[in-house]
C-alpha cells in the first residue's frame, strides 16, 4: 500500500577503456592530497619524534634540562624509563625520560 513498485533499470553497456581512465582521473585529486599531506604534516612530525628520541637516549648525568612541566634542573640519576633531576639544593624529583623537552648548554643554570 505504501511501498511503491521498483522497476529494474537496464544495465549500461560493458565498461570500456574510457570509463577506467575517468575513474583514475577522479581519484587523482585524492591521491594528490594524500601526498601533500604526507610531505607537509606526517614526515616533519616523524622527523621531530626521531630527534626527540635521540636527545632522550643521549641524556647523561649532570645535563641541565627543561621538562614538559616547566622544571629546570640537573640530571642526578638515570634509569631505563625514569630519571631524577635536582631542581634545588637537596630537592630531587623523579620523572619519566619522555618528559624532557630540551637539554640546555652546560652552565645555563646558576
PDB file of N, CA and C in Angstrom:
ATOM      1  N   UNK A   1       0.816  -1.180   0.000  1.00  0.00           N
ATOM      2  CA  UNK A   1       0.000   0.000   0.000  1.00  0.00           C
ATOM      3  C   UNK A   1       0.868   1.255   0.000  1.00  0.00           C
ATOM      4  N   UNK A   2       1.836   1.309   0.944  1.00  0.00           N
ATOM      5  CA  UNK A   2       2.705   2.467   0.996  1.00  0.00           C
ATOM      6  C   UNK A   2       4.000   2.248   0.220  1.00  0.00           C
ATOM      7  N   UNK A   3       4.284   1.010  -0.157  1.00  0.00           N
ATOM      8  CA  UNK A   3       5.516   0.697  -0.865  1.00  0.00           C
ATOM      9  C   UNK A   3       5.249   0.758  -2.354  1.00  0.00           C
ATOM     10  N   UNK A   4       6.045   1.578  -3.025  1.00  0.00           N
ATOM     11  CA  UNK A   4       5.851   1.686  -4.462  1.00  0.00           C
ATOM     12  C   UNK A   4       6.594   0.564  -5.156  1.00  0.00           C
ATOM     13  N   UNK A   5       6.199   0.261  -6.333  1.00  0.00           N
ATOM     14  CA  UNK A   5       6.828  -0.803  -7.095  1.00  0.00           C
ATOM     15  C   UNK A   5       8.194  -0.343  -7.587  1.00  0.00           C
ATOM     16  N   UNK A   6       9.167  -1.257  -7.560  1.00  0.00           N
ATOM     17  CA  UNK A   6      10.506  -0.941  -8.038  1.00  0.00           C
ATOM     18  C   UNK A   6      10.662  -1.532  -9.426  1.00  0.00           C
ATOM     19  N   UNK A   7      11.196  -0.760 -10.298  1.00  0.00           N
ATOM     20  CA  UNK A   7      11.418  -1.229 -11.656  1.00  0.00           C
ATOM     21  C   UNK A   7      12.908  -1.344 -11.901  1.00  0.00           C
ATOM     22  N   UNK A   8      13.319  -2.427 -12.488  1.00  0.00           N
ATOM     23  CA  UNK A   8      14.733  -2.650 -12.777  1.00  0.00           C
ATOM     24  C   UNK A   8      15.168  -1.728 -13.905  1.00  0.00           C
ATOM     25  N   UNK A   9      16.347  -1.177 -13.745  1.00  0.00           N
ATOM     26  CA  UNK A   9      16.889  -0.334 -14.807  1.00  0.00           C
ATOM     27  C   UNK A   9      17.729  -1.186 -15.722  1.00  0.00           C
ATOM     28  N   UNK A  10      17.811  -0.775 -16.927  1.00  0.00           N
ATOM     29  CA  UNK A  10      18.656  -1.516 -17.856  1.00  0.00           C
ATOM     30  C   UNK A  10      20.100  -1.204 -17.554  1.00  0.00           C
ATOM     31  N   UNK A  11      20.930  -2.222 -17.588  1.00  0.00           N
ATOM     32  CA  UNK A  11      22.345  -2.057 -17.280  1.00  0.00           C
ATOM     33  C   UNK A  11      23.038  -1.362 -18.442  1.00  0.00           C
ATOM     34  N   UNK A  12      23.996  -0.466 -18.153  1.00  0.00           N
ATOM     35  CA  UNK A  12      24.722   0.183 -19.237  1.00  0.00           C
ATOM     36  C   UNK A  12      25.591  -0.834 -19.972  1.00  0.00           C
ATOM     37  N   UNK A  13      26.064  -0.451 -21.114  1.00  0.00           N
ATOM     38  CA  UNK A  13      26.919  -1.330 -21.905  1.00  0.00           C
ATOM     39  C   UNK A  13      28.191  -1.651 -21.139  1.00  0.00           C
ATOM     40  N   UNK A  14      28.884  -2.683 -21.555  1.00  0.00           N
ATOM     41  CA  UNK A  14      30.114  -3.113 -20.882  1.00  0.00           C
ATOM     42  C   UNK A  14      31.098  -1.959 -20.781  1.00  0.00           C
ATOM     43  N   UNK A  15      31.841  -1.912 -19.661  1.00  0.00           N
ATOM     44  CA  UNK A  15      32.789  -0.824 -19.427  1.00  0.00           C
ATOM     45  C   UNK A  15      33.873  -0.830 -20.488  1.00  0.00           C
ATOM     46  N   UNK A  16      34.141   0.345 -20.978  1.00  0.00           N
ATOM     47  CA  UNK A  16      35.206   0.463 -21.982  1.00  0.00           C
ATOM     48  C   UNK A  16      36.430   1.095 -21.332  1.00  0.00           C
ATOM     49  N   UNK A  17      37.501   1.240 -22.065  1.00  0.00           N
ATOM     50  CA  UNK A  17      38.740   1.816 -21.533  1.00  0.00           C
ATOM     51  C   UNK A  17      38.555   3.247 -21.077  1.00  0.00           C
ATOM     52  N   UNK A  18      37.630   3.968 -21.664  1.00  0.00           N
ATOM     53  CA  UNK A  18      37.385   5.360 -21.291  1.00  0.00           C
ATOM     54  C   UNK A  18      36.850   5.481 -19.872  1.00  0.00           C
ATOM     55  N   UNK A  19      36.031   4.514 -19.441  1.00  0.00           N
ATOM     56  CA  UNK A  19      35.494   4.546 -18.085  1.00  0.00           C
ATOM     57  C   UNK A  19      36.602   4.350 -17.053  1.00  0.00           C
ATOM     58  N   UNK A  20      37.540   3.484 -17.354  1.00  0.00           N
ATOM     59  CA  UNK A  20      38.663   3.230 -16.439  1.00  0.00           C
ATOM     60  C   UNK A  20      39.513   4.481 -16.300  1.00  0.00           C
ATOM     61  N   UNK A  21      39.708   5.171 -17.384  1.00  0.00           N
ATOM     62  CA  UNK A  21      40.526   6.382 -17.364  1.00  0.00           C
ATOM     63  C   UNK A  21      39.815   7.476 -16.558  1.00  0.00           C
ATOM     64  N   UNK A  22      38.514   7.592 -16.680  1.00  0.00           N
ATOM     65  CA  UNK A  22      37.784   8.609 -15.922  1.00  0.00           C
ATOM     66  C   UNK A  22      37.802   8.280 -14.429  1.00  0.00           C
ATOM     67  N   UNK A  23      37.793   6.994 -14.088  1.00  0.00           N
ATOM     68  CA  UNK A  23      37.875   6.595 -12.686  1.00  0.00           C
ATOM     69  C   UNK A  23      39.230   6.997 -12.097  1.00  0.00           C
ATOM     70  N   UNK A  24      40.288   6.765 -12.841  1.00  0.00           N
ATOM     71  CA  UNK A  24      41.624   7.166 -12.372  1.00  0.00           C
ATOM     72  C   UNK A  24      41.735   8.673 -12.238  1.00  0.00           C
ATOM     73  N   UNK A  25      41.166   9.392 -13.168  1.00  0.00           N
ATOM     74  CA  UNK A  25      41.221  10.863 -13.106  1.00  0.00           C
ATOM     75  C   UNK A  25      40.420  11.394 -11.923  1.00  0.00           C
ATOM     76  N   UNK A  26      39.331  10.720 -11.553  1.00  0.00           N
ATOM     77  CA  UNK A  26      38.549  11.176 -10.409  1.00  0.00           C
ATOM     78  C   UNK A  26      39.260  10.884  -9.090  1.00  0.00           C
ATOM     79  N   UNK A  27      40.134   9.868  -9.072  1.00  0.00           N
ATOM     80  CA  UNK A  27      40.883   9.532  -7.855  1.00  0.00           C
ATOM     81  C   UNK A  27      42.177  10.321  -7.738  1.00  0.00           C
ATOM     82  N   UNK A  28      42.602  10.963  -8.811  1.00  0.00           N
ATOM     83  CA  UNK A  28      43.862  11.708  -8.813  1.00  0.00           C
ATOM     84  C   UNK A  28      43.896  12.812  -7.756  1.00  0.00           C
ATOM     85  N   UNK A  29      42.860  13.642  -7.591  1.00  0.00           N
ATOM     86  CA  UNK A  29      42.915  14.676  -6.545  1.00  0.00           C
ATOM     87  C   UNK A  29      43.070  14.092  -5.138  1.00  0.00           C
ATOM     88  N   UNK A  30      42.410  12.974  -4.882  1.00  0.00           N
ATOM     89  CA  UNK A  30      42.516  12.334  -3.570  1.00  0.00           C
ATOM     90  C   UNK A  30      43.945  11.852  -3.323  1.00  0.00           C
ATOM     91  N   UNK A  31      44.543  11.230  -4.308  1.00  0.00           N
ATOM     92  CA  UNK A  31      45.928  10.774  -4.200  1.00  0.00           C
ATOM     93  C   UNK A  31      46.878  11.951  -4.020  1.00  0.00           C
ATOM     94  N   UNK A  32      46.652  13.008  -4.770  1.00  0.00           N
ATOM     95  CA  UNK A  32      47.495  14.196  -4.677  1.00  0.00           C
ATOM     96  C   UNK A  32      47.405  14.831  -3.291  1.00  0.00           C
ATOM     97  N   UNK A  33      46.198  14.869  -2.718  1.00  0.00           N
ATOM     98  CA  UNK A  33      46.032  15.428  -1.369  1.00  0.00           C
ATOM     99  C   UNK A  33      46.765  14.587  -0.335  1.00  0.00           C
ATOM    100  N   UNK A  34      46.741  13.262  -0.477  1.00  0.00           N
ATOM    101  CA  UNK A  34      47.450  12.403   0.460  1.00  0.00           C
ATOM    102  C   UNK A  34      48.956  12.635   0.382  1.00  0.00           C
ATOM    103  N   UNK A  35      49.489  12.776  -0.827  1.00  0.00           N
ATOM    104  CA  UNK A  35      50.926  13.014  -0.994  1.00  0.00           C
ATOM    105  C   UNK A  35      51.320  14.342  -0.359  1.00  0.00           C
ATOM    106  N   UNK A  36      50.531  15.385  -0.578  1.00  0.00           N
ATOM    107  CA  UNK A  36      50.822  16.695   0.016  1.00  0.00           C
ATOM    108  C   UNK A  36      50.730  16.612   1.535  1.00  0.00           C
ATOM    109  N   UNK A  37      49.714  15.929   2.052  1.00  0.00           N
ATOM    110  CA  UNK A  37      49.559  15.760   3.499  1.00  0.00           C
ATOM    111  C   UNK A  37      50.771  15.051   4.099  1.00  0.00           C
ATOM    112  N   UNK A  38      51.257  14.036   3.412  1.00  0.00           N
ATOM    113  CA  UNK A  38      52.428  13.294   3.896  1.00  0.00           C
ATOM    114  C   UNK A  38      53.637  14.211   4.020  1.00  0.00           C
ATOM    115  N   UNK A  39      53.924  14.990   2.980  1.00  0.00           N
ATOM    116  CA  UNK A  39      55.124  15.826   3.000  1.00  0.00           C
ATOM    117  C   UNK A  39      54.976  17.063   3.875  1.00  0.00           C
ATOM    118  N   UNK A  40      53.765  17.531   4.107  1.00  0.00           N
ATOM    119  CA  UNK A  40      53.565  18.740   4.906  1.00  0.00           C
ATOM    120  C   UNK A  40      53.387  18.436   6.383  1.00  0.00           C
ATOM    121  N   UNK A  41      52.723  17.312   6.716  1.00  0.00           N
ATOM    122  CA  UNK A  41      52.423  17.058   8.122  1.00  0.00           C
ATOM    123  C   UNK A  41      53.079  15.795   8.687  1.00  0.00           C
ATOM    124  N   UNK A  42      52.960  14.691   8.023  1.00  0.00           N
ATOM    125  CA  UNK A  42      53.384  13.414   8.598  1.00  0.00           C
ATOM    126  C   UNK A  42      54.902  13.311   8.666  1.00  0.00           C
ATOM    127  N   UNK A  43      55.585  13.597   7.575  1.00  0.00           N
ATOM    128  CA  UNK A  43      57.045  13.450   7.535  1.00  0.00           C
ATOM    129  C   UNK A  43      57.760  14.368   8.537  1.00  0.00           C
ATOM    130  N   UNK A  44      57.409  15.668   8.619  1.00  0.00           N
ATOM    131  CA  UNK A  44      58.073  16.518   9.625  1.00  0.00           C
ATOM    132  C   UNK A  44      57.823  16.053  11.059  1.00  0.00           C
ATOM    133  N   UNK A  45      56.612  15.546  11.343  1.00  0.00           N
ATOM    134  CA  UNK A  45      56.317  15.064  12.690  1.00  0.00           C
ATOM    135  C   UNK A  45      57.169  13.852  13.033  1.00  0.00           C
ATOM    136  N   UNK A  46      57.342  12.937  12.076  1.00  0.00           N
ATOM    137  CA  UNK A  46      58.181  11.760  12.315  1.00  0.00           C
ATOM    138  C   UNK A  46      59.636  12.171  12.538  1.00  0.00           C
ATOM    139  N   UNK A  47      60.096  13.161  11.816  1.00  0.00           N
ATOM    140  CA  UNK A  47      61.474  13.644  11.976  1.00  0.00           C
ATOM    141  C   UNK A  47      61.660  14.263  13.363  1.00  0.00           C
ATOM    142  N   UNK A  48      60.665  15.021  13.813  1.00  0.00           N
ATOM    143  CA  UNK A  48      60.731  15.651  15.132  1.00  0.00           C
ATOM    144  C   UNK A  48      60.754  14.596  16.238  1.00  0.00           C
ATOM    145  N   UNK A  49      59.933  13.542  16.091  1.00  0.00           N
ATOM    146  CA  UNK A  49      59.916  12.464  17.079  1.00  0.00           C
ATOM    147  C   UNK A  49      61.258  11.747  17.130  1.00  0.00           C
ATOM    148  N   UNK A  50      61.885  11.543  15.993  1.00  0.00           N
ATOM    149  CA  UNK A  50      63.174  10.868  15.945  1.00  0.00           C
ATOM    150  C   UNK A  50      64.251  11.706  16.636  1.00  0.00           C
ATOM    151  N   UNK A  51      64.234  13.020  16.414  1.00  0.00           N
ATOM    152  CA  UNK A  51      65.198  13.911  17.074  1.00  0.00           C
ATOM    153  C   UNK A  51      64.997  13.894  18.586  1.00  0.00           C
ATOM    154  N   UNK A  52      63.732  13.893  19.046  1.00  0.00           N
ATOM    155  CA  UNK A  52      63.452  13.870  20.485  1.00  0.00           C
ATOM    156  C   UNK A  52      63.937  12.567  21.107  1.00  0.00           C
ATOM    157  N   UNK A  53      63.698  11.445  20.426  1.00  0.00           N
ATOM    158  CA  UNK A  53      64.143  10.138  20.924  1.00  0.00           C
ATOM    159  C   UNK A  53      65.665  10.098  21.021  1.00  0.00           C
ATOM    160  N   UNK A  54      66.356  10.656  20.031  1.00  0.00           N
ATOM    161  CA  UNK A  54      67.817  10.703  20.041  1.00  0.00           C
ATOM    162  C   UNK A  54      68.318  11.543  21.212  1.00  0.00           C
ATOM    163  N   UNK A  55      67.667  12.686  21.457  1.00  0.00           N
ATOM    164  CA  UNK A  55      68.062  13.566  22.557  1.00  0.00           C
ATOM    165  C   UNK A  55      67.871  12.853  23.897  1.00  0.00           C
ATOM    166  N   UNK A  56      66.765  12.145  24.067  1.00  0.00           N
ATOM    167  CA  UNK A  56      66.488  11.451  25.328  1.00  0.00           C
ATOM    168  C   UNK A  56      67.481  10.304  25.544  1.00  0.00           C
ATOM    169  N   UNK A  57      67.811   9.595  24.478  1.00  0.00           N
ATOM    170  CA  UNK A  57      68.779   8.495  24.598  1.00  0.00           C
ATOM    171  C   UNK A  57      70.177   9.002  24.949  1.00  0.00           C
ATOM    172  N   UNK A  58      70.482  10.241  24.579  1.00  0.00           N
ATOM    173  CA  UNK A  58      71.812  10.793  24.816  1.00  0.00           C
ATOM    174  C   UNK A  58      71.945  11.502  26.166  1.00  0.00           C
ATOM    175  N   UNK A  59      70.894  11.501  26.981  1.00  0.00           N
ATOM    176  CA  UNK A  59      70.976  12.166  28.293  1.00  0.00           C
ATOM    177  C   UNK A  59      72.055  11.523  29.149  1.00  0.00           C
ATOM    178  N   UNK A  60      72.756  12.364  29.902  1.00  0.00           N
ATOM    179  CA  UNK A  60      73.811  11.883  30.791  1.00  0.00           C
ATOM    180  C   UNK A  60      73.687  12.592  32.127  1.00  0.00           C
ATOM    181  N   UNK A  61      74.294  12.000  33.133  1.00  0.00           N
ATOM    182  CA  UNK A  61      74.295  12.594  34.470  1.00  0.00           C
ATOM    183  C   UNK A  61      75.008  13.945  34.408  1.00  0.00           C
ATOM    184  N   UNK A  62      74.379  14.968  34.991  1.00  0.00           N
ATOM    185  CA  UNK A  62      74.963  16.302  35.000  1.00  0.00           C
ATOM    186  C   UNK A  62      74.393  17.219  33.925  1.00  0.00           C
ATOM    187  N   UNK A  63      73.619  16.679  32.979  1.00  0.00           N
ATOM    188  CA  UNK A  63      72.996  17.523  31.957  1.00  0.00           C
ATOM    189  C   UNK A  63      71.961  18.432  32.594  1.00  0.00           C
ATOM    190  N   UNK A  64      71.884  19.645  32.086  1.00  0.00           N
ATOM    191  CA  UNK A  64      70.881  20.598  32.547  1.00  0.00           C
ATOM    192  C   UNK A  64      69.721  20.551  31.560  1.00  0.00           C
ATOM    193  N   UNK A  65      68.508  20.352  32.091  1.00  0.00           N
ATOM    194  CA  UNK A  65      67.359  20.107  31.226  1.00  0.00           C
ATOM    195  C   UNK A  65      66.164  20.974  31.606  1.00  0.00           C
ATOM    196  N   UNK A  66      65.202  21.039  30.677  1.00  0.00           N
ATOM    197  CA  UNK A  66      63.891  21.630  30.923  1.00  0.00           C
ATOM    198  C   UNK A  66      62.876  20.523  30.677  1.00  0.00           C
ATOM    199  N   UNK A  67      61.911  20.387  31.586  1.00  0.00           N
ATOM    200  CA  UNK A  67      60.900  19.339  31.447  1.00  0.00           C
ATOM    201  C   UNK A  67      59.612  19.920  30.873  1.00  0.00           C
ATOM    202  N   UNK A  68      58.695  19.024  30.492  1.00  0.00           N
ATOM    203  CA  UNK A  68      57.411  19.446  29.937  1.00  0.00           C
ATOM    204  C   UNK A  68      56.591  20.223  30.963  1.00  0.00           C
ATOM    205  N   UNK A  69      56.809  19.956  32.244  1.00  0.00           N
ATOM    206  CA  UNK A  69      56.102  20.674  33.304  1.00  0.00           C
ATOM    207  C   UNK A  69      56.697  22.027  33.626  1.00  0.00           C
ATOM    208  N   UNK A  70      57.825  22.361  33.006  1.00  0.00           N
ATOM    209  CA  UNK A  70      58.456  23.652  33.216  1.00  0.00           C
ATOM    210  C   UNK A  70      59.576  23.629  34.244  1.00  0.00           C
ATOM    211  N   UNK A  71      59.913  22.458  34.784  1.00  0.00           N
ATOM    212  CA  UNK A  71      61.010  22.384  35.737  1.00  0.00           C
ATOM    213  C   UNK A  71      62.342  22.553  35.019  1.00  0.00           C
ATOM    214  N   UNK A  72      63.233  23.261  35.658  1.00  0.00           N
ATOM    215  CA  UNK A  72      64.600  23.428  35.178  1.00  0.00           C
ATOM    216  C   UNK A  72      65.482  22.749  36.206  1.00  0.00           C
ATOM    217  N   UNK A  73      66.285  21.790  35.791  1.00  0.00           N
ATOM    218  CA  UNK A  73      67.088  21.066  36.757  1.00  0.00           C
ATOM    219  C   UNK A  73      68.256  20.350  36.126  1.00  0.00           C
ATOM    220  N   UNK A  74      69.020  19.693  37.001  1.00  0.00           N
ATOM    221  CA  UNK A  74      70.206  18.961  36.580  1.00  0.00           C
ATOM    222  C   UNK A  74      69.961  17.473  36.810  1.00  0.00           C
ATOM    223  N   UNK A  75      70.285  16.638  35.818  1.00  0.00           N
ATOM    224  CA  UNK A  75      70.092  15.205  35.924  1.00  0.00           C
ATOM    225  C   UNK A  75      71.032  14.652  36.991  1.00  0.00           C
ATOM    226  N   UNK A  76      70.457  13.938  37.989  1.00  0.00           N
ATOM    227  CA  UNK A  76      71.291  13.377  39.052  1.00  0.00           C
ATOM    228  C   UNK A  76      71.375  11.851  38.968  1.00  0.00           C
ATOM    229  N   UNK A  77      70.318  11.199  38.490  1.00  0.00           N
ATOM    230  CA  UNK A  77      70.319   9.737  38.332  1.00  0.00           C
ATOM    231  C   UNK A  77      69.581   9.392  37.051  1.00  0.00           C
ATOM    232  N   UNK A  78      70.049   8.326  36.403  1.00  0.00           N
ATOM    233  CA  UNK A  78      69.418   7.865  35.169  1.00  0.00           C
ATOM    234  C   UNK A  78      68.972   6.423  35.315  1.00  0.00           C
ATOM    235  N   UNK A  79      67.777   6.125  34.816  1.00  0.00           N
ATOM    236  CA  UNK A  79      67.276   4.755  34.754  1.00  0.00           C
ATOM    237  C   UNK A  79      66.837   4.473  33.330  1.00  0.00           C
ATOM    238  N   UNK A  80      66.223   3.314  33.116  1.00  0.00           N
ATOM    239  CA  UNK A  80      65.767   2.976  31.770  1.00  0.00           C
ATOM    240  C   UNK A  80      64.645   3.898  31.303  1.00  0.00           C
ATOM    241  N   UNK A  81      63.607   4.021  32.093  1.00  0.00           N
ATOM    242  CA  UNK A  81      62.465   4.840  31.698  1.00  0.00           C
ATOM    243  C   UNK A  81      62.304   6.100  32.523  1.00  0.00           C
ATOM    244  N   UNK A  82      63.072   6.185  33.625  1.00  0.00           N
ATOM    245  CA  UNK A  82      62.928   7.318  34.535  1.00  0.00           C
ATOM    246  C   UNK A  82      64.280   7.972  34.786  1.00  0.00           C
ATOM    247  N   UNK A  83      64.225   9.204  35.289  1.00  0.00           N
ATOM    248  CA  UNK A  83      65.433   9.901  35.709  1.00  0.00           C
ATOM    249  C   UNK A  83      65.100  10.777  36.899  1.00  0.00           C
ATOM    250  N   UNK A  84      66.112  11.112  37.661  1.00  0.00           N
ATOM    251  CA  UNK A  84      65.941  12.019  38.792  1.00  0.00           C
ATOM    252  C   UNK A  84      66.647  13.315  38.446  1.00  0.00           C
ATOM    253  N   UNK A  85      65.942  14.414  38.703  1.00  0.00           N
ATOM    254  CA  UNK A  85      66.582  15.707  38.472  1.00  0.00           C
ATOM    255  C   UNK A  85      66.598  16.490  39.774  1.00  0.00           C
ATOM    256  N   UNK A  86      67.645  17.237  39.938  1.00  0.00           N
ATOM    257  CA  UNK A  86      67.784  18.092  41.111  1.00  0.00           C
ATOM    258  C   UNK A  86      67.320  19.485  40.706  1.00  0.00           C
ATOM    259  N   UNK A  87      66.184  19.920  41.315  1.00  0.00           N
ATOM    260  CA  UNK A  87      65.630  21.221  40.947  1.00  0.00           C
ATOM    261  C   UNK A  87      66.059  22.330  41.910  1.00  0.00           C
ATOM    262  N   UNK A  88      66.573  21.952  43.072  1.00  0.00           N
ATOM    263  CA  UNK A  88      67.130  22.895  44.045  1.00  0.00           C
ATOM    264  C   UNK A  88      68.109  22.097  44.895  1.00  0.00           C
ATOM    265  N   UNK A  89      68.891  22.778  45.708  1.00  0.00           N
ATOM    266  CA  UNK A  89      69.855  22.080  46.558  1.00  0.00           C
ATOM    267  C   UNK A  89      69.125  21.107  47.478  1.00  0.00           C
ATOM    268  N   UNK A  90      69.407  19.808  47.308  1.00  0.00           N
ATOM    269  CA  UNK A  90      68.803  18.780  48.145  1.00  0.00           C
ATOM    270  C   UNK A  90      67.391  18.377  47.750  1.00  0.00           C
ATOM    271  N   UNK A  91      66.844  18.936  46.673  1.00  0.00           N
ATOM    272  CA  UNK A  91      65.483  18.593  46.235  1.00  0.00           C
ATOM    273  C   UNK A  91      65.571  17.846  44.908  1.00  0.00           C
ATOM    274  N   UNK A  92      65.212  16.541  44.964  1.00  0.00           N
ATOM    275  CA  UNK A  92      65.246  15.728  43.752  1.00  0.00           C
ATOM    276  C   UNK A  92      63.839  15.286  43.395  1.00  0.00           C
ATOM    277  N   UNK A  93      63.563  15.276  42.103  1.00  0.00           N
ATOM    278  CA  UNK A  93      62.263  14.853  41.592  1.00  0.00           C
ATOM    279  C   UNK A  93      62.515  13.737  40.592  1.00  0.00           C
ATOM    280  N   UNK A  94      61.706  12.675  40.684  1.00  0.00           N
ATOM    281  CA  UNK A  94      61.834  11.583  39.738  1.00  0.00           C
ATOM    282  C   UNK A  94      60.730  11.720  38.697  1.00  0.00           C
ATOM    283  N   UNK A  95      61.080  11.564  37.417  1.00  0.00           N
ATOM    284  CA  UNK A  95      60.106  11.689  36.339  1.00  0.00           C
ATOM    285  C   UNK A  95      60.486  10.822  35.155  1.00  0.00           C
ATOM    286  N   UNK A  96      59.573  10.700  34.217  1.00  0.00           N
ATOM    287  CA  UNK A  96      59.826   9.911  33.019  1.00  0.00           C
ATOM    288  C   UNK A  96      60.804  10.637  32.114  1.00  0.00           C
ATOM    289  N   UNK A  97      61.606   9.833  31.401  1.00  0.00           N
ATOM    290  CA  UNK A  97      62.573  10.419  30.471  1.00  0.00           C
ATOM    291  C   UNK A  97      61.880  11.200  29.366  1.00  0.00           C
ATOM    292  N   UNK A  98      60.691  10.740  28.958  1.00  0.00           N
ATOM    293  CA  UNK A  98      59.986  11.399  27.851  1.00  0.00           C
ATOM    294  C   UNK A  98      59.490  12.797  28.219  1.00  0.00           C
ATOM    295  N   UNK A  99      59.515  13.156  29.498  1.00  0.00           N
ATOM    296  CA  UNK A  99      59.075  14.482  29.921  1.00  0.00           C
ATOM    297  C   UNK A  99      60.124  15.557  29.648  1.00  0.00           C
ATOM    298  N   UNK A 100      61.328  15.158  29.278  1.00  0.00           N
ATOM    299  CA  UNK A 100      62.383  16.124  28.971  1.00  0.00           C
ATOM    300  C   UNK A 100      62.108  16.702  27.584  1.00  0.00           C
ATOM    301  N   UNK A 101      62.054  18.034  27.499  1.00  0.00           N
ATOM    302  CA  UNK A 101      61.800  18.641  26.200  1.00  0.00           C
ATOM    303  C   UNK A 101      63.017  19.345  25.621  1.00  0.00           C
ATOM    304  N   UNK A 102      63.990  19.679  26.486  1.00  0.00           N
ATOM    305  CA  UNK A 102      65.164  20.382  25.972  1.00  0.00           C
ATOM    306  C   UNK A 102      66.358  20.141  26.884  1.00  0.00           C
ATOM    307  N   UNK A 103      67.520  19.969  26.276  1.00  0.00           N
ATOM    308  CA  UNK A 103      68.766  19.895  27.022  1.00  0.00           C
ATOM    309  C   UNK A 103      69.461  21.233  26.830  1.00  0.00           C
ATOM    310  N   UNK A 104      69.793  21.870  27.955  1.00  0.00           N
ATOM    311  CA  UNK A 104      70.419  23.195  27.908  1.00  0.00           C
ATOM    312  C   UNK A 104      71.950  23.065  27.807  1.00  0.00           C
ATOM    313  N   UNK A 105      72.592  24.095  27.290  1.00  0.00           N
ATOM    314  CA  UNK A 105      74.064  24.091  27.295  1.00  0.00           C
ATOM    315  C   UNK A 105      74.589  24.102  28.729  1.00  0.00           C
ATOM    316  N   UNK A 106      75.742  23.489  28.937  1.00  0.00           N
ATOM    317  CA  UNK A 106      76.346  23.446  30.280  1.00  0.00           C
ATOM    318  C   UNK A 106      76.547  24.860  30.812  1.00  0.00           C
ATOM    319  N   UNK A 107      76.243  25.053  32.084  1.00  0.00           N
ATOM    320  CA  UNK A 107      76.439  26.349  32.727  1.00  0.00           C
ATOM    321  C   UNK A 107      75.257  27.289  32.562  1.00  0.00           C
ATOM    322  N   UNK A 108      74.140  26.828  32.020  1.00  0.00           N
ATOM    323  CA  UNK A 108      72.965  27.693  31.849  1.00  0.00           C
ATOM    324  C   UNK A 108      72.291  28.001  33.186  1.00  0.00           C
ATOM    325  N   UNK A 109      72.313  27.030  34.085  1.00  0.00           N
ATOM    326  CA  UNK A 109      71.711  27.223  35.406  1.00  0.00           C
ATOM    327  C   UNK A 109      72.737  27.821  36.350  1.00  0.00           C
ATOM    328  N   UNK A 110      72.321  28.756  37.138  1.00  0.00           N
ATOM    329  CA  UNK A 110      73.216  29.375  38.121  1.00  0.00           C
ATOM    330  C   UNK A 110      72.542  29.389  39.462  1.00  0.00           C
TER     331      UNK A 110
END
